[in-house]
Amino acid sequence: MSKKKKDKKSVNSGPLEWLYINEDCPSTRRLYEQLKDDEGMTAEFWDLAGVLEISGSETGFYLEESEEEGVWWVTLSPGNQDESAGLMQKMQELCGGSFMVDE
């Protein structure tokens, strides 16, 4: 009797709360405009709430405007940690800025 190995995906077990800092892109709308046409992610923007959702095929994250210009609160959705990291890296490549763990 053979057992099939299941592919294990890295599930978010680390911090789910981060900060995104980008002094060169001070508005959530501008971030959205830079990300909305990328084929590797989906970007949705809620102007009144000041929230940008970035998602991949299995997971994603939300960016919420903070009181400081150029700083966003980031909340990762539970799910595939590798995909979340890839989305964050792609966003940095397209928009600049840095993600930091909020401790």
C-alpha atoms as a PDB file:
ATOM      1  CA  MET A   1       0.000   0.000   0.000  1.00  0.00           C
ATOM      2  CA  SER A   2       1.575   3.302  -1.052  1.00  0.00           C
ATOM      3  CA  LYS A   3       0.866   6.591   0.579  1.00  0.00           C
ATOM      4  CA  LYS A   4       0.696   9.678  -1.570  1.00  0.00           C
ATOM      5  CA  LYS A   5       2.547  12.688  -0.292  1.00  0.00           C
ATOM      6  CA  LYS A   6       0.485  15.830  -0.178  1.00  0.00           C
ATOM      7  CA  ASP A   7       2.119  19.079  -1.217  1.00  0.00           C
ATOM      8  CA  LYS A   8       2.483  21.153   1.897  1.00  0.00           C
ATOM      9  CA  LYS A   9       2.172  24.884   1.525  1.00  0.00           C
ATOM     10  CA  SER A  10       3.635  27.251   4.030  1.00  0.00           C
ATOM     11  CA  VAL A  11       0.678  28.633   5.982  1.00  0.00           C
ATOM     12  CA  ASN A  12       0.912  32.067   7.572  1.00  0.00           C
ATOM     13  CA  SER A  13       2.239  31.326  11.015  1.00  0.00           C
ATOM     14  CA  GLY A  14       4.294  34.475  11.431  1.00  0.00           C
ATOM     15  CA  PRO A  15       3.151  38.016  12.088  1.00  0.00           C
ATOM     16  CA  LEU A  16      -0.084  38.988  10.366  1.00  0.00           C
ATOM     17  CA  GLU A  17       0.311  42.700  11.161  1.00  0.00           C
ATOM     18  CA  TRP A  18       2.872  44.718   9.205  1.00  0.00           C
ATOM     19  CA  LEU A  19       3.634  48.285   8.172  1.00  0.00           C
ATOM     20  CA  TYR A  20       4.247  49.434   4.609  1.00  0.00           C
ATOM     21  CA  ILE A  21       6.270  52.627   4.263  1.00  0.00           C
ATOM     22  CA  ASN A  22       6.632  54.471   0.992  1.00  0.00           C
ATOM     23  CA  GLU A  23       7.409  58.178   1.205  1.00  0.00           C
ATOM     24  CA  ASP A  24       7.545  58.445  -2.609  1.00  0.00           C
ATOM     25  CA  CYS A  25       3.935  57.318  -3.022  1.00  0.00           C
ATOM     26  CA  PRO A  26       1.874  59.223  -0.468  1.00  0.00           C
ATOM     27  CA  SER A  27      -1.643  58.121  -1.445  1.00  0.00           C
ATOM     28  CA  THR A  28      -3.517  54.826  -1.487  1.00  0.00           C
ATOM     29  CA  ARG A  29      -5.088  55.772  -4.832  1.00  0.00           C
ATOM     30  CA  ARG A  30      -1.621  56.150  -6.359  1.00  0.00           C
ATOM     31  CA  LEU A  31      -0.602  52.731  -5.059  1.00  0.00           C
ATOM     32  CA  TYR A  32      -3.771  51.287  -6.585  1.00  0.00           C
ATOM     33  CA  GLU A  33      -3.072  52.950  -9.947  1.00  0.00           C
ATOM     34  CA  GLN A  34       0.412  51.388 -10.007  1.00  0.00           C
ATOM     35  CA  LEU A  35      -0.876  47.896  -9.150  1.00  0.00           C
ATOM     36  CA  LYS A  36      -4.288  47.552 -10.801  1.00  0.00           C
ATOM     37  CA  ASP A  37      -3.065  46.322 -14.198  1.00  0.00           C
ATOM     38  CA  ASP A  38      -0.503  43.789 -12.970  1.00  0.00           C
ATOM     39  CA  GLU A  39      -1.391  40.265 -14.109  1.00  0.00           C
ATOM     40  CA  GLY A  40       0.127  38.577 -11.047  1.00  0.00           C
ATOM     41  CA  MET A  41      -2.284  40.125  -8.547  1.00  0.00           C
ATOM     42  CA  THR A  42      -5.704  41.651  -8.127  1.00  0.00           C
ATOM     43  CA  ALA A  43      -5.984  45.116  -6.604  1.00  0.00           C
ATOM     44  CA  GLU A  44      -9.241  46.543  -5.241  1.00  0.00           C
ATOM     45  CA  PHE A  45      -9.509  50.043  -3.782  1.00  0.00           C
ATOM     46  CA  TRP A  46     -12.162  51.373  -1.395  1.00  0.00           C
ATOM     47  CA  ASP A  47     -11.693  55.129  -1.529  1.00  0.00           C
ATOM     48  CA  LEU A  48     -14.027  56.106   1.326  1.00  0.00           C
ATOM     49  CA  ALA A  49     -12.426  53.595   3.676  1.00  0.00           C
ATOM     50  CA  GLY A  50      -8.874  54.308   2.501  1.00  0.00           C
ATOM     51  CA  VAL A  51      -8.266  50.569   2.068  1.00  0.00           C
ATOM     52  CA  LEU A  52      -6.443  48.716  -0.707  1.00  0.00           C
ATOM     53  CA  GLU A  53      -6.784  44.946  -1.029  1.00  0.00           C
ATOM     54  CA  ILE A  54      -4.063  42.996  -2.838  1.00  0.00           C
ATOM     55  CA  SER A  55      -4.783  39.365  -3.582  1.00  0.00           C
ATOM     56  CA  GLY A  56      -3.322  36.417  -5.428  1.00  0.00           C
ATOM     57  CA  SER A  57      -4.877  33.056  -6.178  1.00  0.00           C
ATOM     58  CA  GLU A  58      -5.045  31.859  -2.550  1.00  0.00           C
ATOM     59  CA  THR A  59      -4.325  34.733  -0.188  1.00  0.00           C
ATOM     60  CA  GLY A  60      -3.596  38.423   0.053  1.00  0.00           C
ATOM     61  CA  PHE A  61      -3.406  41.416   2.322  1.00  0.00           C
ATOM     62  CA  TYR A  62      -5.056  44.726   3.108  1.00  0.00           C
ATOM     63  CA  LEU A  63      -3.398  48.121   3.337  1.00  0.00           C
ATOM     64  CA  GLU A  64      -5.127  50.757   5.442  1.00  0.00           C
ATOM     65  CA  GLU A  65      -4.045  54.390   5.553  1.00  0.00           C
ATOM     66  CA  SER A  66      -2.489  55.478   8.822  1.00  0.00           C
ATOM     67  CA  GLU A  67      -2.410  58.997  10.233  1.00  0.00           C
ATOM     68  CA  GLU A  68       1.107  59.439   8.836  1.00  0.00           C
ATOM     69  CA  GLU A  69       1.455  60.190   5.127  1.00  0.00           C
ATOM     70  CA  GLY A  70       3.316  57.420   3.303  1.00  0.00           C
ATOM     71  CA  VAL A  71       2.605  54.812   6.022  1.00  0.00           C
ATOM     72  CA  TRP A  72      -0.011  52.047   5.838  1.00  0.00           C
ATOM     73  CA  TRP A  73      -1.163  49.350   8.277  1.00  0.00           C
ATOM     74  CA  VAL A  74      -0.973  45.966   6.580  1.00  0.00           C
ATOM     75  CA  THR A  75      -2.998  42.922   7.593  1.00  0.00           C
ATOM     76  CA  LEU A  76      -2.156  39.597   5.950  1.00  0.00           C
ATOM     77  CA  SER A  77      -5.017  37.225   5.242  1.00  0.00           C
ATOM     78  CA  PRO A  78      -4.543  33.729   6.641  1.00  0.00           C
ATOM     79  CA  GLY A  79      -3.310  31.425   3.908  1.00  0.00           C
ATOM     80  CA  ASN A  80      -0.277  30.668   1.817  1.00  0.00           C
ATOM     81  CA  GLN A  81       2.705  32.483   3.367  1.00  0.00           C
ATOM     82  CA  ASP A  82       4.859  32.026   0.257  1.00  0.00           C
ATOM     83  CA  GLU A  83       2.234  33.669  -1.947  1.00  0.00           C
ATOM     84  CA  SER A  84       1.821  36.563   0.507  1.00  0.00           C
ATOM     85  CA  ALA A  85       5.589  37.116   0.514  1.00  0.00           C
ATOM     86  CA  GLY A  86       5.627  37.029  -3.290  1.00  0.00           C
ATOM     87  CA  LEU A  87       2.816  39.606  -3.497  1.00  0.00           C
ATOM     88  CA  MET A  88       4.644  41.869  -1.062  1.00  0.00           C
ATOM     89  CA  GLN A  89       7.872  41.563  -3.057  1.00  0.00           C
ATOM     90  CA  LYS A  90       6.039  42.286  -6.324  1.00  0.00           C
ATOM     91  CA  MET A  91       4.448  45.378  -4.786  1.00  0.00           C
ATOM     92  CA  GLN A  92       7.880  46.628  -3.676  1.00  0.00           C
ATOM     93  CA  GLU A  93       9.228  46.092  -7.212  1.00  0.00           C
ATOM     94  CA  LEU A  94       6.344  48.044  -8.772  1.00  0.00           C
ATOM     95  CA  CYS A  95       5.914  50.803  -6.179  1.00  0.00           C
ATOM     96  CA  GLY A  96       9.058  50.905  -4.070  1.00  0.00           C
ATOM     97  CA  GLY A  97       8.769  51.205  -0.319  1.00  0.00           C
ATOM     98  CA  SER A  98       9.369  48.657   2.430  1.00  0.00           C
ATOM     99  CA  PHE A  99       7.340  46.227   4.503  1.00  0.00           C
ATOM    100  CA  MET A 100       8.183  45.986   8.195  1.00  0.00           C
ATOM    101  CA  VAL A 101       6.820  43.825  10.979  1.00  0.00           C
ATOM    102  CA  ASP A 102       4.703  45.854  13.420  1.00  0.00           C
ATOM    103  CA  GLU A 103       5.890  44.730  16.868  1.00  0.00           C
END
